[in-house]
PDB file of N, CA and C in Angstrom:
ATOM      1  N   UNK A   1     -32.909   5.898  44.338  1.00  0.00           N
ATOM      2  CA  UNK A   1     -33.961   5.040  44.826  1.00  0.00           C
ATOM      3  C   UNK A   1     -35.299   5.768  44.805  1.00  0.00           C
ATOM      4  N   UNK A   2     -35.284   7.038  45.244  1.00  0.00           N
ATOM      5  CA  UNK A   2     -36.516   7.827  45.258  1.00  0.00           C
ATOM      6  C   UNK A   2     -36.999   8.067  43.831  1.00  0.00           C
ATOM      7  N   UNK A   3     -36.065   8.291  42.923  1.00  0.00           N
ATOM      8  CA  UNK A   3     -36.421   8.512  41.527  1.00  0.00           C
ATOM      9  C   UNK A   3     -37.087   7.268  40.941  1.00  0.00           C
ATOM     10  N   UNK A   4     -36.575   6.094  41.298  1.00  0.00           N
ATOM     11  CA  UNK A   4     -37.133   4.842  40.791  1.00  0.00           C
ATOM     12  C   UNK A   4     -38.557   4.640  41.321  1.00  0.00           C
ATOM     13  N   UNK A   5     -38.796   4.920  42.592  1.00  0.00           N
ATOM     14  CA  UNK A   5     -40.129   4.770  43.175  1.00  0.00           C
ATOM     15  C   UNK A   5     -41.104   5.773  42.578  1.00  0.00           C
ATOM     16  N   UNK A   6     -40.662   7.003  42.404  1.00  0.00           N
ATOM     17  CA  UNK A   6     -41.561   8.026  41.869  1.00  0.00           C
ATOM     18  C   UNK A   6     -41.872   7.766  40.401  1.00  0.00           C
ATOM     19  N   UNK A   7     -40.901   7.233  39.651  1.00  0.00           N
ATOM     20  CA  UNK A   7     -41.180   6.929  38.245  1.00  0.00           C
ATOM     21  C   UNK A   7     -42.142   5.745  38.136  1.00  0.00           C
ATOM     22  N   UNK A   8     -42.040   4.781  39.041  1.00  0.00           N
ATOM     23  CA  UNK A   8     -42.992   3.667  39.052  1.00  0.00           C
ATOM     24  C   UNK A   8     -44.393   4.124  39.406  1.00  0.00           C
ATOM     25  N   UNK A   9     -44.479   5.028  40.364  1.00  0.00           N
ATOM     26  CA  UNK A   9     -45.774   5.584  40.758  1.00  0.00           C
ATOM     27  C   UNK A   9     -46.373   6.406  39.619  1.00  0.00           C
ATOM     28  N   UNK A  10     -45.534   7.185  38.946  1.00  0.00           N
ATOM     29  CA  UNK A  10     -45.984   7.993  37.819  1.00  0.00           C
ATOM     30  C   UNK A  10     -46.475   7.106  36.677  1.00  0.00           C
ATOM     31  N   UNK A  11     -45.776   6.023  36.427  1.00  0.00           N
ATOM     32  CA  UNK A  11     -46.187   5.074  35.393  1.00  0.00           C
ATOM     33  C   UNK A  11     -47.533   4.442  35.738  1.00  0.00           C
ATOM     34  N   UNK A  12     -47.750   4.126  36.992  1.00  0.00           N
ATOM     35  CA  UNK A  12     -49.024   3.573  37.438  1.00  0.00           C
ATOM     36  C   UNK A  12     -50.156   4.569  37.225  1.00  0.00           C
ATOM     37  N   UNK A  13     -49.945   5.811  37.589  1.00  0.00           N
ATOM     38  CA  UNK A  13     -50.968   6.851  37.429  1.00  0.00           C
ATOM     39  C   UNK A  13     -51.301   7.061  35.952  1.00  0.00           C
ATOM     40  N   UNK A  14     -50.296   7.122  35.117  1.00  0.00           N
ATOM     41  CA  UNK A  14     -50.522   7.324  33.679  1.00  0.00           C
ATOM     42  C   UNK A  14     -51.289   6.152  33.085  1.00  0.00           C
ATOM     43  N   UNK A  15     -50.923   4.928  33.464  1.00  0.00           N
ATOM     44  CA  UNK A  15     -51.621   3.760  32.917  1.00  0.00           C
ATOM     45  C   UNK A  15     -53.075   3.715  33.371  1.00  0.00           C
ATOM     46  N   UNK A  16     -53.354   4.154  34.589  1.00  0.00           N
ATOM     47  CA  UNK A  16     -54.739   4.195  35.063  1.00  0.00           C
ATOM     48  C   UNK A  16     -55.549   5.265  34.340  1.00  0.00           C
ATOM     49  N   UNK A  17     -54.921   6.361  33.998  1.00  0.00           N
ATOM     50  CA  UNK A  17     -55.622   7.428  33.290  1.00  0.00           C
ATOM     51  C   UNK A  17     -55.881   7.077  31.826  1.00  0.00           C
ATOM     52  N   UNK A  18     -54.997   6.324  31.225  1.00  0.00           N
ATOM     53  CA  UNK A  18     -55.112   5.993  29.807  1.00  0.00           C
ATOM     54  C   UNK A  18     -56.014   4.784  29.574  1.00  0.00           C
ATOM     55  N   UNK A  19     -56.051   3.833  30.473  1.00  0.00           N
ATOM     56  CA  UNK A  19     -56.770   2.578  30.240  1.00  0.00           C
ATOM     57  C   UNK A  19     -58.275   2.734  30.024  1.00  0.00           C
ATOM     58  N   UNK A  20     -59.017   3.622  30.696  1.00  0.00           N
ATOM     59  CA  UNK A  20     -60.444   3.747  30.390  1.00  0.00           C
ATOM     60  C   UNK A  20     -60.698   4.250  28.973  1.00  0.00           C
ATOM     61  N   UNK A  21     -59.804   5.025  28.426  1.00  0.00           N
ATOM     62  CA  UNK A  21     -59.975   5.536  27.071  1.00  0.00           C
ATOM     63  C   UNK A  21     -59.786   4.480  26.008  1.00  0.00           C
ATOM     64  N   UNK A  22     -59.086   3.428  26.309  1.00  0.00           N
ATOM     65  CA  UNK A  22     -58.843   2.389  25.318  1.00  0.00           C
ATOM     66  C   UNK A  22     -60.113   1.643  24.958  1.00  0.00           C
ATOM     67  N   UNK A  23     -61.009   1.445  25.894  1.00  0.00           N
ATOM     68  CA  UNK A  23     -62.239   0.726  25.582  1.00  0.00           C
ATOM     69  C   UNK A  23     -63.117   1.536  24.645  1.00  0.00           C
ATOM     70  N   UNK A  24     -63.085   2.866  24.743  1.00  0.00           N
ATOM     71  CA  UNK A  24     -63.884   3.685  23.843  1.00  0.00           C
ATOM     72  C   UNK A  24     -63.269   3.733  22.448  1.00  0.00           C
ATOM     73  N   UNK A  25     -61.974   3.493  22.340  1.00  0.00           N
ATOM     74  CA  UNK A  25     -61.341   3.466  21.032  1.00  0.00           C
ATOM     75  C   UNK A  25     -61.779   2.252  20.226  1.00  0.00           C
ATOM     76  N   UNK A  26     -62.065   1.165  20.906  1.00  0.00           N
ATOM     77  CA  UNK A  26     -62.495  -0.044  20.218  1.00  0.00           C
ATOM     78  C   UNK A  26     -63.910   0.077  19.688  1.00  0.00           C
ATOM     79  N   UNK A  27     -64.700   0.934  20.264  1.00  0.00           N
ATOM     80  CA  UNK A  27     -66.083   1.098  19.830  1.00  0.00           C
ATOM     81  C   UNK A  27     -66.977   0.118  20.554  1.00  0.00           C
ATOM     82  N   UNK A  28     -68.217   0.496  20.682  1.00  0.00           N
ATOM     83  CA  UNK A  28     -69.187  -0.368  21.355  1.00  0.00           C
ATOM     84  C   UNK A  28     -69.685  -1.403  20.358  1.00  0.00           C
ATOM     85  N   UNK A  29     -69.234  -2.612  20.515  1.00  0.00           N
ATOM     86  CA  UNK A  29     -69.630  -3.682  19.608  1.00  0.00           C
ATOM     87  C   UNK A  29     -70.837  -4.402  20.178  1.00  0.00           C
ATOM     88  N   UNK A  30     -71.837  -4.610  19.340  1.00  0.00           N
ATOM     89  CA  UNK A  30     -73.016  -5.349  19.749  1.00  0.00           C
ATOM     90  C   UNK A  30     -72.683  -6.840  19.740  1.00  0.00           C
ATOM     91  N   UNK A  31     -73.109  -7.558  20.769  1.00  0.00           N
ATOM     92  CA  UNK A  31     -72.856  -9.001  20.768  1.00  0.00           C
ATOM     93  C   UNK A  31     -73.661  -9.676  19.661  1.00  0.00           C
ATOM     94  N   UNK A  32     -73.023 -10.585  18.974  1.00  0.00           N
ATOM     95  CA  UNK A  32     -73.715 -11.300  17.907  1.00  0.00           C
ATOM     96  C   UNK A  32     -74.212 -12.627  18.453  1.00  0.00           C
ATOM     97  N   UNK A  33     -75.465 -12.905  18.191  1.00  0.00           N
ATOM     98  CA  UNK A  33     -76.075 -14.145  18.660  1.00  0.00           C
ATOM     99  C   UNK A  33     -76.006 -15.165  17.535  1.00  0.00           C
ATOM    100  N   UNK A  34     -75.132 -16.140  17.676  1.00  0.00           N
ATOM    101  CA  UNK A  34     -74.947 -17.134  16.627  1.00  0.00           C
ATOM    102  C   UNK A  34     -75.703 -18.423  16.912  1.00  0.00           C
ATOM    103  N   UNK A  35     -76.437 -18.436  18.027  1.00  0.00           N
ATOM    104  CA  UNK A  35     -77.189 -19.643  18.351  1.00  0.00           C
ATOM    105  C   UNK A  35     -78.395 -19.772  17.430  1.00  0.00           C
ATOM    106  N   UNK A  36     -78.752 -20.999  17.032  1.00  0.00           N
ATOM    107  CA  UNK A  36     -79.924 -21.172  16.170  1.00  0.00           C
ATOM    108  C   UNK A  36     -81.211 -20.899  16.941  1.00  0.00           C
ATOM    109  N   UNK A  37     -82.210 -20.392  16.237  1.00  0.00           N
ATOM    110  CA  UNK A  37     -83.522 -20.146  16.832  1.00  0.00           C
ATOM    111  C   UNK A  37     -84.283 -21.474  16.853  1.00  0.00           C
ATOM    112  N   UNK A  38     -84.525 -22.004  18.041  1.00  0.00           N
ATOM    113  CA  UNK A  38     -85.165 -23.305  18.173  1.00  0.00           C
ATOM    114  C   UNK A  38     -86.677 -23.240  18.023  1.00  0.00           C
ATOM    115  N   UNK A  39     -87.262 -22.114  18.388  1.00  0.00           N
ATOM    116  CA  UNK A  39     -88.715 -22.004  18.401  1.00  0.00           C
ATOM    117  C   UNK A  39     -89.179 -21.016  17.340  1.00  0.00           C
ATOM    118  N   UNK A  40     -90.297 -21.361  16.695  1.00  0.00           N
ATOM    119  CA  UNK A  40     -90.879 -20.527  15.657  1.00  0.00           C
ATOM    120  C   UNK A  40     -91.530 -19.306  16.296  1.00  0.00           C
ATOM    121  N   UNK A  41     -91.065 -18.117  15.947  1.00  0.00           N
ATOM    122  CA  UNK A  41     -91.606 -16.898  16.550  1.00  0.00           C
ATOM    123  C   UNK A  41     -92.959 -16.514  15.963  1.00  0.00           C
ATOM    124  N   UNK A  42     -93.303 -17.043  14.797  1.00  0.00           N
ATOM    125  CA  UNK A  42     -94.580 -16.714  14.163  1.00  0.00           C
ATOM    126  C   UNK A  42     -95.668 -17.730  14.510  1.00  0.00           C
ATOM    127  N   UNK A  43     -95.344 -18.738  15.291  1.00  0.00           N
ATOM    128  CA  UNK A  43     -96.321 -19.792  15.610  1.00  0.00           C
ATOM    129  C   UNK A  43     -97.407 -19.258  16.542  1.00  0.00           C
ATOM    130  N   UNK A  44     -98.632 -19.749  16.332  1.00  0.00           N
ATOM    131  CA  UNK A  44     -99.766 -19.393  17.194  1.00  0.00           C
ATOM    132  C   UNK A  44     -99.936 -20.517  18.210  1.00  0.00           C
ATOM    133  N   UNK A  45     -99.432 -20.294  19.406  1.00  0.00           N
ATOM    134  CA  UNK A  45     -99.439 -21.330  20.440  1.00  0.00           C
ATOM    135  C   UNK A  45    -100.831 -21.753  20.859  1.00  0.00           C
ATOM    136  N   UNK A  46    -101.750 -20.803  20.973  1.00  0.00           N
ATOM    137  CA  UNK A  46    -103.121 -21.136  21.385  1.00  0.00           C
ATOM    138  C   UNK A  46    -103.791 -22.045  20.365  1.00  0.00           C
ATOM    139  N   UNK A  47    -103.570 -21.776  19.086  1.00  0.00           N
ATOM    140  CA  UNK A  47    -104.157 -22.615  18.037  1.00  0.00           C
ATOM    141  C   UNK A  47    -103.525 -24.005  18.049  1.00  0.00           C
ATOM    142  N   UNK A  48    -102.224 -24.071  18.238  1.00  0.00           N
ATOM    143  CA  UNK A  48    -101.550 -25.369  18.269  1.00  0.00           C
ATOM    144  C   UNK A  48    -102.052 -26.221  19.430  1.00  0.00           C
ATOM    145  N   UNK A  49    -102.264 -25.602  20.592  1.00  0.00           N
ATOM    146  CA  UNK A  49    -102.766 -26.346  21.751  1.00  0.00           C
ATOM    147  C   UNK A  49    -104.195 -26.805  21.505  1.00  0.00           C
ATOM    148  N   UNK A  50    -105.030 -25.928  20.943  1.00  0.00           N
ATOM    149  CA  UNK A  50    -106.424 -26.293  20.649  1.00  0.00           C
ATOM    150  C   UNK A  50    -106.481 -27.442  19.651  1.00  0.00           C
ATOM    151  N   UNK A  51    -105.641 -27.402  18.626  1.00  0.00           N
ATOM    152  CA  UNK A  51    -105.598 -28.491  17.643  1.00  0.00           C
ATOM    153  C   UNK A  51    -105.128 -29.793  18.289  1.00  0.00           C
ATOM    154  N   UNK A  52    -104.141 -29.708  19.167  1.00  0.00           N
ATOM    155  CA  UNK A  52    -103.635 -30.906  19.841  1.00  0.00           C
ATOM    156  C   UNK A  52    -104.702 -31.516  20.741  1.00  0.00           C
ATOM    157  N   UNK A  53    -105.468 -30.680  21.437  1.00  0.00           N
ATOM    158  CA  UNK A  53    -106.548 -31.184  22.300  1.00  0.00           C
ATOM    159  C   UNK A  53    -107.612 -31.873  21.457  1.00  0.00           C
ATOM    160  N   UNK A  54    -107.957 -31.269  20.344  1.00  0.00           N
ATOM    161  CA  UNK A  54    -108.976 -31.847  19.453  1.00  0.00           C
ATOM    162  C   UNK A  54    -108.537 -33.222  18.942  1.00  0.00           C
ATOM    163  N   UNK A  55    -107.299 -33.314  18.485  1.00  0.00           N
ATOM    164  CA  UNK A  55    -106.778 -34.587  17.971  1.00  0.00           C
ATOM    165  C   UNK A  55    -106.688 -35.621  19.087  1.00  0.00           C
ATOM    166  N   UNK A  56    -106.234 -35.206  20.268  1.00  0.00           N
ATOM    167  CA  UNK A  56    -106.091 -36.133  21.391  1.00  0.00           C
ATOM    168  C   UNK A  56    -107.445 -36.685  21.831  1.00  0.00           C
ATOM    169  N   UNK A  57    -108.480 -35.860  21.813  1.00  0.00           N
ATOM    170  CA  UNK A  57    -109.819 -36.337  22.190  1.00  0.00           C
ATOM    171  C   UNK A  57    -110.344 -37.354  21.196  1.00  0.00           C
ATOM    172  N   UNK A  58    -110.143 -37.109  19.912  1.00  0.00           N
ATOM    173  CA  UNK A  58    -110.655 -38.048  18.908  1.00  0.00           C
ATOM    174  C   UNK A  58    -109.882 -39.365  18.923  1.00  0.00           C
ATOM    175  N   UNK A  59    -108.602 -39.317  19.259  1.00  0.00           N
ATOM    176  CA  UNK A  59    -107.784 -40.530  19.261  1.00  0.00           C
ATOM    177  C   UNK A  59    -107.687 -41.164  20.645  1.00  0.00           C
ATOM    178  N   UNK A  60    -108.235 -40.506  21.661  1.00  0.00           N
ATOM    179  CA  UNK A  60    -108.183 -41.051  23.013  1.00  0.00           C
ATOM    180  C   UNK A  60    -106.772 -41.057  23.594  1.00  0.00           C
ATOM    181  N   UNK A  61    -106.013 -40.047  23.279  1.00  0.00           N
ATOM    182  CA  UNK A  61    -104.621 -39.974  23.741  1.00  0.00           C
ATOM    183  C   UNK A  61    -104.414 -38.772  24.652  1.00  0.00           C
ATOM    184  N   UNK A  62    -103.262 -38.733  25.262  1.00  0.00           N
ATOM    185  CA  UNK A  62    -102.884 -37.610  26.116  1.00  0.00           C
ATOM    186  C   UNK A  62    -102.008 -36.640  25.335  1.00  0.00           C
ATOM    187  N   UNK A  63    -101.824 -35.465  25.937  1.00  0.00           N
ATOM    188  CA  UNK A  63    -101.025 -34.421  25.290  1.00  0.00           C
ATOM    189  C   UNK A  63     -99.780 -34.157  26.132  1.00  0.00           C
ATOM    190  N   UNK A  64     -98.662 -34.046  25.454  1.00  0.00           N
ATOM    191  CA  UNK A  64     -97.437 -33.580  26.106  1.00  0.00           C
ATOM    192  C   UNK A  64     -97.214 -32.156  25.618  1.00  0.00           C
ATOM    193  N   UNK A  65     -97.235 -31.224  26.549  1.00  0.00           N
ATOM    194  CA  UNK A  65     -97.063 -29.815  26.207  1.00  0.00           C
ATOM    195  C   UNK A  65     -95.628 -29.403  26.505  1.00  0.00           C
ATOM    196  N   UNK A  66     -94.930 -29.005  25.464  1.00  0.00           N
ATOM    197  CA  UNK A  66     -93.547 -28.540  25.598  1.00  0.00           C
ATOM    198  C   UNK A  66     -93.513 -27.088  25.137  1.00  0.00           C
ATOM    199  N   UNK A  67     -92.994 -26.210  25.985  1.00  0.00           N
ATOM    200  CA  UNK A  67     -92.919 -24.807  25.593  1.00  0.00           C
ATOM    201  C   UNK A  67     -91.567 -24.232  25.968  1.00  0.00           C
ATOM    202  N   UNK A  68     -91.214 -23.185  25.285  1.00  0.00           N
ATOM    203  CA  UNK A  68     -89.933 -22.540  25.536  1.00  0.00           C
ATOM    204  C   UNK A  68     -89.861 -21.231  24.783  1.00  0.00           C
ATOM    205  N   UNK A  69     -88.692 -20.655  24.751  1.00  0.00           N
ATOM    206  CA  UNK A  69     -88.497 -19.377  24.071  1.00  0.00           C
ATOM    207  C   UNK A  69     -87.060 -19.275  23.578  1.00  0.00           C
ATOM    208  N   UNK A  70     -86.858 -18.440  22.601  1.00  0.00           N
ATOM    209  CA  UNK A  70     -85.513 -18.149  22.092  1.00  0.00           C
ATOM    210  C   UNK A  70     -84.904 -17.050  22.946  1.00  0.00           C
ATOM    211  N   UNK A  71     -84.116 -17.409  23.940  1.00  0.00           N
ATOM    212  CA  UNK A  71     -83.539 -16.435  24.866  1.00  0.00           C
ATOM    213  C   UNK A  71     -82.233 -15.978  24.352  1.00  0.00           C
TER     214      UNK A  71
END
């Protein structure tokens, strides 16, 4: 009975010592972002807003400003 308990305890200790090393064996993988980029990163927001204001004034309309980012 004592042998069975000590072997179980020994197995637990060995598994705890070995398990942290397994993650390093897999290598550090960079997460891949497969989501589409919704917003243009090269767009000039200030120019787009200025153009929208100019057009809205000439047409007598309001502006809906929608902004966001590729997170």
